[in-house]
C-alpha atoms as a PDB file:
ATOM      1  CA  MET A   1       0.000   0.000   0.000  1.00  0.00           C
ATOM      2  CA  SER A   2       1.093   3.577  -0.601  1.00  0.00           C
ATOM      3  CA  ASN A   3      -0.182   7.037   0.190  1.00  0.00           C
ATOM      4  CA  LEU A   4      -2.421   8.760  -2.329  1.00  0.00           C
ATOM      5  CA  LYS A   5      -0.862  11.861  -3.882  1.00  0.00           C
ATOM      6  CA  VAL A   6      -2.458  15.149  -4.910  1.00  0.00           C
ATOM      7  CA  PHE A   7      -1.238  18.385  -6.444  1.00  0.00           C
ATOM      8  CA  LYS A   8      -0.661  21.390  -4.220  1.00  0.00           C
ATOM      9  CA  ASN A   9      -3.047  24.308  -4.737  1.00  0.00           C
ATOM     10  CA  GLN A  10      -0.649  26.725  -6.395  1.00  0.00           C
ATOM     11  CA  TYR A  11       0.854  24.055  -8.597  1.00  0.00           C
ATOM     12  CA  LEU A  12      -2.612  23.085  -9.793  1.00  0.00           C
ATOM     13  CA  LEU A  13      -3.520  26.705 -10.490  1.00  0.00           C
ATOM     14  CA  ASN A  14      -0.335  27.236 -12.503  1.00  0.00           C
ATOM     15  CA  LEU A  15      -0.958  24.016 -14.424  1.00  0.00           C
ATOM     16  CA  GLU A  16      -4.466  25.073 -15.374  1.00  0.00           C
ATOM     17  CA  LEU A  17      -3.321  28.536 -16.448  1.00  0.00           C
ATOM     18  CA  SER A  18      -0.573  26.997 -18.587  1.00  0.00           C
ATOM     19  CA  VAL A  19      -2.677  24.515 -20.574  1.00  0.00           C
ATOM     20  CA  GLY A  20      -2.185  26.418 -23.835  1.00  0.00           C
ATOM     21  CA  ASP A  21       1.595  26.398 -23.416  1.00  0.00           C
ATOM     22  CA  ASN A  22       1.680  22.707 -22.490  1.00  0.00           C
ATOM     23  CA  LEU A  23      -0.375  21.188 -25.310  1.00  0.00           C
ATOM     24  CA  ASP A  24       2.624  19.346 -26.749  1.00  0.00           C
ATOM     25  CA  HIS A  25       3.155  17.644 -23.387  1.00  0.00           C
ATOM     26  CA  TYR A  26      -0.489  16.566 -23.347  1.00  0.00           C
ATOM     27  CA  ARG A  27      -0.271  15.221 -26.886  1.00  0.00           C
ATOM     28  CA  SER A  28       2.854  13.215 -26.056  1.00  0.00           C
ATOM     29  CA  VAL A  29       1.328  11.946 -22.779  1.00  0.00           C
ATOM     30  CA  ASP A  30       4.252  13.362 -20.847  1.00  0.00           C
ATOM     31  CA  SER A  31       3.145  12.494 -17.312  1.00  0.00           C
ATOM     32  CA  SER A  32       6.664  13.008 -15.952  1.00  0.00           C
ATOM     33  CA  PHE A  33       6.476  16.637 -17.069  1.00  0.00           C
ATOM     34  CA  PHE A  34       3.214  17.169 -15.190  1.00  0.00           C
ATOM     35  CA  ASN A  35       4.591  15.461 -12.101  1.00  0.00           C
ATOM     36  CA  GLY A  36       7.506  17.877 -12.160  1.00  0.00           C
ATOM     37  CA  ASP A  37      10.266  17.643  -9.590  1.00  0.00           C
ATOM     38  CA  GLY A  38       7.823  16.604  -6.894  1.00  0.00           C
ATOM     39  CA  THR A  39       7.659  19.919  -5.066  1.00  0.00           C
ATOM     40  CA  GLY A  40       4.146  20.551  -6.364  1.00  0.00           C
ATOM     41  CA  VAL A  41       2.861  17.252  -4.989  1.00  0.00           C
ATOM     42  CA  PHE A  42       2.135  16.057  -1.470  1.00  0.00           C
ATOM     43  CA  GLU A  43       1.037  12.748   0.023  1.00  0.00           C
ATOM     44  CA  THR A  44      -2.316  12.412   1.754  1.00  0.00           C
ATOM     45  CA  THR A  45      -3.127  10.025   4.581  1.00  0.00           C
ATOM     46  CA  CYS A  46      -5.351   7.955   2.270  1.00  0.00           C
ATOM     47  CA  VAL A  47      -3.788   4.709   1.138  1.00  0.00           C
ATOM     48  CA  VAL A  48      -4.173   2.901  -2.167  1.00  0.00           C
ATOM     49  CA  PRO A  49      -2.868  -0.430  -3.483  1.00  0.00           C
ATOM     50  CA  ASP A  50       0.585  -0.430  -5.034  1.00  0.00           C
ATOM     51  CA  GLU A  51      -0.870  -2.046  -8.133  1.00  0.00           C
ATOM     52  CA  VAL A  52      -2.563   0.636 -10.233  1.00  0.00           C
ATOM     53  CA  PRO A  53      -5.515  -0.550 -12.348  1.00  0.00           C
ATOM     54  CA  ILE A  54      -5.167  -0.398 -16.124  1.00  0.00           C
ATOM     55  CA  LEU A  55      -7.965   1.674 -17.649  1.00  0.00           C
ATOM     56  CA  ILE A  56      -8.922   0.805 -21.231  1.00  0.00           C
ATOM     57  CA  PRO A  57      -9.635   3.895 -23.367  1.00  0.00           C
ATOM     58  CA  ASN A  58     -12.787   2.862 -25.178  1.00  0.00           C
ATOM     59  CA  ILE A  59     -16.500   3.248 -24.498  1.00  0.00           C
ATOM     60  CA  SER A  60     -17.185  -0.473 -24.217  1.00  0.00           C
ATOM     61  CA  SER A  61     -14.754  -0.735 -21.279  1.00  0.00           C
ATOM     62  CA  GLU A  62     -16.050   2.219 -19.276  1.00  0.00           C
ATOM     63  CA  SER A  63     -18.095   0.205 -16.798  1.00  0.00           C
ATOM     64  CA  GLU A  64     -15.093  -1.958 -15.925  1.00  0.00           C
ATOM     65  CA  ASN A  65     -12.889   1.141 -15.781  1.00  0.00           C
ATOM     66  CA  ALA A  66     -15.308   2.744 -13.340  1.00  0.00           C
ATOM     67  CA  ILE A  67     -15.453  -0.335 -11.124  1.00  0.00           C
ATOM     68  CA  HIS A  68     -11.671  -0.873 -11.074  1.00  0.00           C
ATOM     69  CA  LEU A  69     -11.034   2.788 -10.254  1.00  0.00           C
ATOM     70  CA  PHE A  70     -13.631   2.777  -7.488  1.00  0.00           C
ATOM     71  CA  GLU A  71     -12.064  -0.282  -5.899  1.00  0.00           C
ATOM     72  CA  TYR A  72      -8.589   1.217  -6.239  1.00  0.00           C
ATOM     73  CA  LEU A  73      -9.800   4.338  -4.409  1.00  0.00           C
ATOM     74  CA  SER A  74     -11.926   2.454  -1.893  1.00  0.00           C
ATOM     75  CA  GLN A  75     -10.434   4.386   1.052  1.00  0.00           C
ATOM     76  CA  ILE A  76     -11.601   7.849  -0.010  1.00  0.00           C
ATOM     77  CA  ASP A  77     -14.825   9.484   1.159  1.00  0.00           C
ATOM     78  CA  ASN A  78     -17.059  12.036  -0.569  1.00  0.00           C
ATOM     79  CA  THR A  79     -15.040  14.957   0.771  1.00  0.00           C
ATOM     80  CA  VAL A  80     -11.775  13.679  -0.663  1.00  0.00           C
ATOM     81  CA  ALA A  81     -13.620  12.685  -3.840  1.00  0.00           C
ATOM     82  CA  SER A  82     -14.654  16.317  -4.321  1.00  0.00           C
ATOM     83  CA  ASP A  83     -11.088  17.652  -4.169  1.00  0.00           C
ATOM     84  CA  PRO A  84      -9.937  19.081  -7.542  1.00  0.00           C
ATOM     85  CA  ARG A  85      -6.296  18.478  -6.564  1.00  0.00           C
ATOM     86  CA  LEU A  86      -6.815  14.732  -6.370  1.00  0.00           C
ATOM     87  CA  TRP A  87      -8.413  14.313  -9.769  1.00  0.00           C
ATOM     88  CA  ALA A  88      -5.993  16.666 -11.473  1.00  0.00           C
ATOM     89  CA  TYR A  89      -3.074  14.588 -10.194  1.00  0.00           C
ATOM     90  CA  LEU A  90      -4.647  11.293 -11.212  1.00  0.00           C
ATOM     91  CA  VAL A  91      -5.497  12.484 -14.708  1.00  0.00           C
ATOM     92  CA  HIS A  92      -2.146  14.176 -15.346  1.00  0.00           C
ATOM     93  CA  VAL A  93       0.115  11.547 -13.792  1.00  0.00           C
ATOM     94  CA  THR A  94      -1.400   8.193 -12.824  1.00  0.00           C
ATOM     95  CA  PHE A  95      -3.918   7.810 -15.656  1.00  0.00           C
ATOM     96  CA  CYS A  96      -2.597  10.293 -18.197  1.00  0.00           C
ATOM     97  CA  ASP A  97      -2.298   7.698 -20.966  1.00  0.00           C
ATOM     98  CA  TYR A  98      -5.911   6.593 -20.559  1.00  0.00           C
ATOM     99  CA  ALA A  99      -7.230  10.159 -20.379  1.00  0.00           C
ATOM    100  CA  MET A 100      -5.467  11.320 -23.519  1.00  0.00           C
ATOM    101  CA  LYS A 101      -6.430   8.266 -25.558  1.00  0.00           C
ATOM    102  CA  ARG A 102     -10.019   8.457 -24.333  1.00  0.00           C
ATOM    103  CA  TRP A 103     -10.578  12.204 -24.512  1.00  0.00           C
ATOM    104  CA  GLY A 104      -7.600  13.836 -26.233  1.00  0.00           C
ATOM    105  CA  SER A 105      -7.955  12.473 -29.760  1.00  0.00           C
ATOM    106  CA  VAL A 106      -9.050  15.782 -31.251  1.00  0.00           C
ATOM    107  CA  GLU A 107      -7.539  18.383 -33.529  1.00  0.00           C
ATOM    108  CA  LYS A 108      -4.964  20.646 -31.934  1.00  0.00           C
ATOM    109  CA  ASP A 109      -7.302  23.630 -32.079  1.00  0.00           C
ATOM    110  CA  GLU A 110      -9.820  21.721 -29.943  1.00  0.00           C
ATOM    111  CA  LEU A 111      -7.338  20.150 -27.551  1.00  0.00           C
ATOM    112  CA  LYS A 112      -7.085  23.090 -25.145  1.00  0.00           C
ATOM    113  CA  LYS A 113     -10.841  23.171 -24.637  1.00  0.00           C
ATOM    114  CA  ARG A 114     -10.974  19.403 -24.192  1.00  0.00           C
ATOM    115  CA  VAL A 115      -8.149  19.425 -21.616  1.00  0.00           C
ATOM    116  CA  LEU A 116      -9.800  22.204 -19.617  1.00  0.00           C
ATOM    117  CA  ASN A 117     -13.107  20.311 -19.614  1.00  0.00           C
ATOM    118  CA  ARG A 118     -11.788  16.805 -18.957  1.00  0.00           C
ATOM    119  CA  PHE A 119      -8.558  17.245 -16.993  1.00  0.00           C
ATOM    120  CA  PHE A 120      -9.709  19.782 -14.413  1.00  0.00           C
ATOM    121  CA  THR A 121     -12.702  20.185 -12.106  1.00  0.00           C
ATOM    122  CA  ASP A 122     -13.942  23.011  -9.906  1.00  0.00           C
ATOM    123  CA  GLY A 123     -15.105  20.517  -7.301  1.00  0.00           C
ATOM    124  CA  ASP A 124     -18.798  21.076  -8.047  1.00  0.00           C
ATOM    125  CA  ALA A 125     -21.064  18.167  -8.914  1.00  0.00           C
ATOM    126  CA  ARG A 126     -21.322  18.931 -12.623  1.00  0.00           C
ATOM    127  CA  THR A 127     -17.601  19.239 -13.364  1.00  0.00           C
ATOM    128  CA  LEU A 128     -16.726  16.311 -11.088  1.00  0.00           C
ATOM    129  CA  ARG A 129     -18.978  14.126 -13.200  1.00  0.00           C
ATOM    130  CA  ARG A 130     -17.433  15.344 -16.431  1.00  0.00           C
ATOM    131  CA  GLN A 131     -13.732  15.127 -15.579  1.00  0.00           C
ATOM    132  CA  ALA A 132     -12.027  12.142 -17.201  1.00  0.00           C
ATOM    133  CA  ILE A 133     -11.203  10.246 -13.991  1.00  0.00           C
ATOM    134  CA  SER A 134     -13.548  11.595 -11.322  1.00  0.00           C
ATOM    135  CA  ARG A 135     -16.562  10.782 -13.515  1.00  0.00           C
ATOM    136  CA  LEU A 136     -15.659   7.080 -13.285  1.00  0.00           C
ATOM    137  CA  TRP A 137     -15.481   7.112  -9.490  1.00  0.00           C
ATOM    138  CA  TRP A 138     -18.698   9.091  -9.063  1.00  0.00           C
ATOM    139  CA  ALA A 139     -20.554   6.939 -11.589  1.00  0.00           C
ATOM    140  CA  THR A 140     -19.816   3.952  -9.387  1.00  0.00           C
ATOM    141  CA  LYS A 141     -20.380   5.735  -6.091  1.00  0.00           C
ATOM    142  CA  LEU A 142     -23.875   6.770  -7.171  1.00  0.00           C
ATOM    143  CA  THR A 143     -24.900   3.314  -8.352  1.00  0.00           C
ATOM    144  CA  VAL A 144     -23.035   0.642  -6.386  1.00  0.00           C
ATOM    145  CA  ALA A 145     -25.344  -1.706  -4.420  1.00  0.00           C
ATOM    146  CA  PRO A 146     -27.893   0.978  -3.439  1.00  0.00           C
ATOM    147  CA  TRP A 147     -29.870  -1.666  -1.521  1.00  0.00           C
ATOM    148  CA  GLU A 148     -27.078  -1.893   1.060  1.00  0.00           C
ATOM    149  CA  ASP A 149     -27.812   1.572   2.471  1.00  0.00           C
ATOM    150  CA  ASP A 150     -31.485   2.169   1.703  1.00  0.00           C
ATOM    151  CA  PRO A 151     -34.361  -0.346   2.087  1.00  0.00           C
ATOM    152  CA  PHE A 152     -36.176   1.510  -0.712  1.00  0.00           C
ATOM    153  CA  PHE A 153     -33.922  -0.346  -3.156  1.00  0.00           C
ATOM    154  CA  GLU A 154     -34.452  -3.836  -1.743  1.00  0.00           C
ATOM    155  CA  PRO A 155     -36.678  -4.852  -4.702  1.00  0.00           C
ATOM    156  CA  PHE A 156     -33.740  -4.041  -7.001  1.00  0.00           C
ATOM    157  CA  ARG A 157     -31.203  -6.225  -5.209  1.00  0.00           C
ATOM    158  CA  LYS A 158     -28.854  -8.073  -7.575  1.00  0.00           C
ATOM    159  CA  ASP A 159     -26.049 -10.567  -7.047  1.00  0.00           C
ATOM    160  CA  ASP A 160     -23.732  -8.099  -8.785  1.00  0.00           C
ATOM    161  CA  ARG A 161     -23.107  -5.040  -6.576  1.00  0.00           C
ATOM    162  CA  TYR A 162     -22.170  -3.086  -9.696  1.00  0.00           C
ATOM    163  CA  TYR A 163     -25.204  -4.060 -11.743  1.00  0.00           C
ATOM    164  CA  TYR A 164     -26.525  -0.508 -12.118  1.00  0.00           C
ATOM    165  CA  THR A 165     -23.043   0.872 -12.676  1.00  0.00           C
ATOM    166  CA  ARG A 166     -22.869  -1.340 -15.739  1.00  0.00           C
ATOM    167  CA  VAL A 167     -26.300  -0.163 -16.904  1.00  0.00           C
ATOM    168  CA  LEU A 168     -25.284   3.470 -16.477  1.00  0.00           C
ATOM    169  CA  MET A 169     -21.951   3.179 -18.277  1.00  0.00           C
ATOM    170  CA  ARG A 170     -23.272   1.146 -21.196  1.00  0.00           C
ATOM    171  CA  ASP A 171     -23.208   4.161 -23.504  1.00  0.00           C
ATOM    172  CA  GLU A 172     -21.733   7.643 -23.406  1.00  0.00           C
ATOM    173  CA  THR A 173     -24.948   9.611 -23.931  1.00  0.00           C
ATOM    174  CA  THR A 174     -26.790   7.932 -21.079  1.00  0.00           C
ATOM    175  CA  SER A 175     -23.957   8.243 -18.591  1.00  0.00           C
ATOM    176  CA  SER A 176     -23.222  11.885 -19.410  1.00  0.00           C
ATOM    177  CA  ASP A 177     -26.854  12.969 -19.339  1.00  0.00           C
ATOM    178  CA  LEU A 178     -27.584  11.281 -16.025  1.00  0.00           C
ATOM    179  CA  LEU A 179     -24.336  12.116 -14.255  1.00  0.00           C
ATOM    180  CA  GLU A 180     -24.115  15.752 -15.302  1.00  0.00           C
ATOM    181  CA  ARG A 181     -27.742  16.595 -14.540  1.00  0.00           C
ATOM    182  CA  VAL A 182     -27.648  17.412 -10.844  1.00  0.00           C
ATOM    183  CA  GLN A 183     -31.450  17.185 -10.649  1.00  0.00           C
ATOM    184  CA  LEU A 184     -31.124  13.468 -11.376  1.00  0.00           C
ATOM    185  CA  ALA A 185     -27.734  12.476  -9.965  1.00  0.00           C
ATOM    186  CA  SER A 186     -28.580  14.072  -6.604  1.00  0.00           C
ATOM    187  CA  ARG A 187     -31.740  11.950  -6.312  1.00  0.00           C
ATOM    188  CA  PRO A 188     -30.529   8.332  -5.984  1.00  0.00           C
ATOM    189  CA  GLN A 189     -34.059   6.896  -5.951  1.00  0.00           C
ATOM    190  CA  LEU A 190     -34.903   8.559  -9.254  1.00  0.00           C
ATOM    191  CA  LEU A 191     -31.521   7.734 -10.765  1.00  0.00           C
ATOM    192  CA  ILE A 192     -31.758   4.014 -10.002  1.00  0.00           C
ATOM    193  CA  LEU A 193     -35.375   3.809 -11.160  1.00  0.00           C
ATOM    194  CA  ILE A 194     -34.466   5.427 -14.477  1.00  0.00           C
ATOM    195  CA  LEU A 195     -31.596   2.985 -14.893  1.00  0.00           C
ATOM    196  CA  ASP A 196     -33.854   0.070 -14.033  1.00  0.00           C
ATOM    197  CA  PHE A 197     -36.388   1.273 -16.610  1.00  0.00           C
ATOM    198  CA  LEU A 198     -33.643   1.548 -19.224  1.00  0.00           C
ATOM    199  CA  ASP A 199     -32.403  -1.905 -18.391  1.00  0.00           C
ATOM    200  CA  ASN A 200     -35.860  -3.311 -19.089  1.00  0.00           C
ATOM    201  CA  ASN A 201     -36.592  -1.026 -22.054  1.00  0.00           C
ATOM    202  CA  PRO A 202     -33.284  -0.631 -23.923  1.00  0.00           C
ATOM    203  CA  ARG A 203     -34.988   0.950 -26.968  1.00  0.00           C
ATOM    204  CA  PHE A 204     -35.161   4.172 -24.953  1.00  0.00           C
ATOM    205  CA  ARG A 205     -31.413   4.519 -25.396  1.00  0.00           C
ATOM    206  CA  LYS A 206     -32.205   5.561 -28.957  1.00  0.00           C
ATOM    207  CA  ARG A 207     -31.043   9.165 -29.117  1.00  0.00           C
ATOM    208  CA  VAL A 208     -34.303  10.821 -30.105  1.00  0.00           C
ATOM    209  CA  LEU A 209     -36.366   8.945 -27.498  1.00  0.00           C
ATOM    210  CA  TRP A 210     -33.739   9.407 -24.802  1.00  0.00           C
ATOM    211  CA  ARG A 211     -33.464  13.148 -25.438  1.00  0.00           C
ATOM    212  CA  GLU A 212     -37.213  13.700 -25.172  1.00  0.00           C
ATOM    213  CA  PHE A 213     -37.491  11.363 -22.182  1.00  0.00           C
ATOM    214  CA  MET A 214     -34.852  13.335 -20.296  1.00  0.00           C
ATOM    215  CA  LYS A 215     -36.527  16.616 -21.201  1.00  0.00           C
ATOM    216  CA  GLU A 216     -39.877  15.419 -19.841  1.00  0.00           C
ATOM    217  CA  ILE A 217     -38.329  14.072 -16.629  1.00  0.00           C
ATOM    218  CA  ILE A 218     -36.664  17.422 -15.913  1.00  0.00           C
ATOM    219  CA  LEU A 219     -39.856  19.350 -16.710  1.00  0.00           C
ATOM    220  CA  THR A 220     -41.866  17.073 -14.427  1.00  0.00           C
ATOM    221  CA  LEU A 221     -39.440  17.624 -11.562  1.00  0.00           C
ATOM    222  CA  GLY A 222     -39.995  21.347 -11.989  1.00  0.00           C
ATOM    223  CA  TYR A 223     -43.734  21.354 -11.375  1.00  0.00           C
ATOM    224  CA  ARG A 224     -44.581  18.091  -9.585  1.00  0.00           C
ATOM    225  CA  LYS A 225     -43.282  16.641  -6.323  1.00  0.00           C
ATOM    226  CA  ILE A 226     -42.775  13.163  -7.750  1.00  0.00           C
ATOM    227  CA  MET A 227     -40.025  12.359  -5.247  1.00  0.00           C
ATOM    228  CA  ALA A 228     -42.713  12.199  -2.568  1.00  0.00           C
ATOM    229  CA  LEU A 229     -44.236   9.189  -4.334  1.00  0.00           C
ATOM    230  CA  ASP A 230     -43.740   5.647  -3.088  1.00  0.00           C
ATOM    231  CA  LEU A 231     -41.761   3.111  -5.100  1.00  0.00           C
ATOM    232  CA  LYS A 232     -44.561   1.729  -7.268  1.00  0.00           C
ATOM    233  CA  ALA A 233     -46.043   5.169  -7.960  1.00  0.00           C
ATOM    234  CA  LEU A 234     -42.651   6.591  -8.933  1.00  0.00           C
ATOM    235  CA  GLN A 235     -41.986   3.612 -11.212  1.00  0.00           C
ATOM    236  CA  SER A 236     -45.359   4.152 -12.816  1.00  0.00           C
ATOM    237  CA  GLU A 237     -44.656   7.853 -13.283  1.00  0.00           C
ATOM    238  CA  ILE A 238     -41.369   7.147 -15.065  1.00  0.00           C
ATOM    239  CA  SER A 239     -43.018   4.556 -17.309  1.00  0.00           C
ATOM    240  CA  ASP A 240     -45.922   6.873 -18.136  1.00  0.00           C
ATOM    241  CA  ILE A 241     -43.546   9.669 -19.116  1.00  0.00           C
ATOM    242  CA  ALA A 242     -41.462   7.353 -21.272  1.00  0.00           C
ATOM    243  CA  PHE A 243     -44.363   5.709 -23.077  1.00  0.00           C
ATOM    244  CA  GLU A 244     -46.030   9.056 -23.722  1.00  0.00           C
ATOM    245  CA  VAL A 245     -42.790  10.246 -25.318  1.00  0.00           C
ATOM    246  CA  GLU A 246     -42.652   7.070 -27.410  1.00  0.00           C
ATOM    247  CA  LYS A 247     -46.277   7.478 -28.482  1.00  0.00           C
ATOM    248  CA  ARG A 248     -45.701  11.097 -29.498  1.00  0.00           C
ATOM    249  CA  TYR A 249     -42.584  10.152 -31.434  1.00  0.00           C
ATOM    250  CA  SER A 250     -44.434   7.355 -33.233  1.00  0.00           C
ATOM    251  CA  ASN A 251     -47.268   9.709 -34.182  1.00  0.00           C
ATOM    252  CA  GLU A 252     -44.807  12.305 -35.469  1.00  0.00           C
ATOM    253  CA  LYS A 253     -43.110   9.689 -37.652  1.00  0.00           C
ATOM    254  CA  LYS A 254     -46.475   8.634 -39.075  1.00  0.00           C
ATOM    255  CA  GLN A 255     -47.376  12.259 -39.745  1.00  0.00           C
ATOM    256  CA  ASP A 256     -44.064  12.901 -41.497  1.00  0.00           C
ATOM    257  CA  LYS A 257     -44.569   9.826 -43.670  1.00  0.00           C
ATOM    258  CA  THR A 258     -48.123  10.882 -44.546  1.00  0.00           C
ATOM    259  CA  GLU A 259     -46.993  14.375 -45.523  1.00  0.00           C
ATOM    260  CA  GLU A 260     -44.157  12.941 -47.622  1.00  0.00           C
ATOM    261  CA  ILE A 261     -46.552  10.668 -49.540  1.00  0.00           C
ATOM    262  CA  GLY A 262     -49.217  13.315 -49.918  1.00  0.00           C
ATOM    263  CA  GLY A 263     -46.817  16.034 -50.919  1.00  0.00           C
ATOM    264  CA  ASN A 264     -46.177  14.684 -54.414  1.00  0.00           C
ATOM    265  CA  ASP A 265     -49.279  15.960 -56.177  1.00  0.00           C
ATOM    266  CA  TYR A 266     -48.673  16.013 -59.924  1.00  0.00           C
ATOM    267  CA  SER A 267     -52.305  16.370 -61.004  1.00  0.00           C
END
């Protein structure tokens, strides 16, 4: 075991201000450059295994990446997991190769923006769930064995503690939309019920249905107190919203097809 390292505050600030000057080091995955001479780094009291997990930089491996990272950082709590210094160190040093291959494969003109969005976090919920490494930890934290801490989730108990982590990380659109929307990610009951619905109705991962489904969920949260509902009522509410979206989409497709056929009037 070894002590977990983080960047010092001033070092992190200088690193963020120097992104434009350091793009070549990002492109070459120069983690030794970002680590520097060690004076900008200090050891915390948190311990981690000596063996660092290997993260695979492709979408299909994201659920396993999230689980392996979460287990590697099993000693940290939510306070430590909200520290920008921790995630900046991990993404620039420990997992730099993964982060660049996963998020840095863009044109040079776009690289600065991508690095600022994916390599740094302000410590708020939205940026923590967007940053290249912290998003993996938080994805797991929000979904791992929810039945262990809340009897509400007992009907969802699975043999696999990471069952809903795998559902969440199955595709990029779903994970980003759910993690980065604080209205959803901050409500574990709603989050797990949406994931359970998706697991049973995978067609709602289709972009157009998913986009409208998310829009309706957010709108409903704005004018109805659905979180006061019991389990079955909340499940029913989510299903009703989804199937109404699907019905509307189906009707719109039929209307478009009718207009296309009827629009060719050569008489």
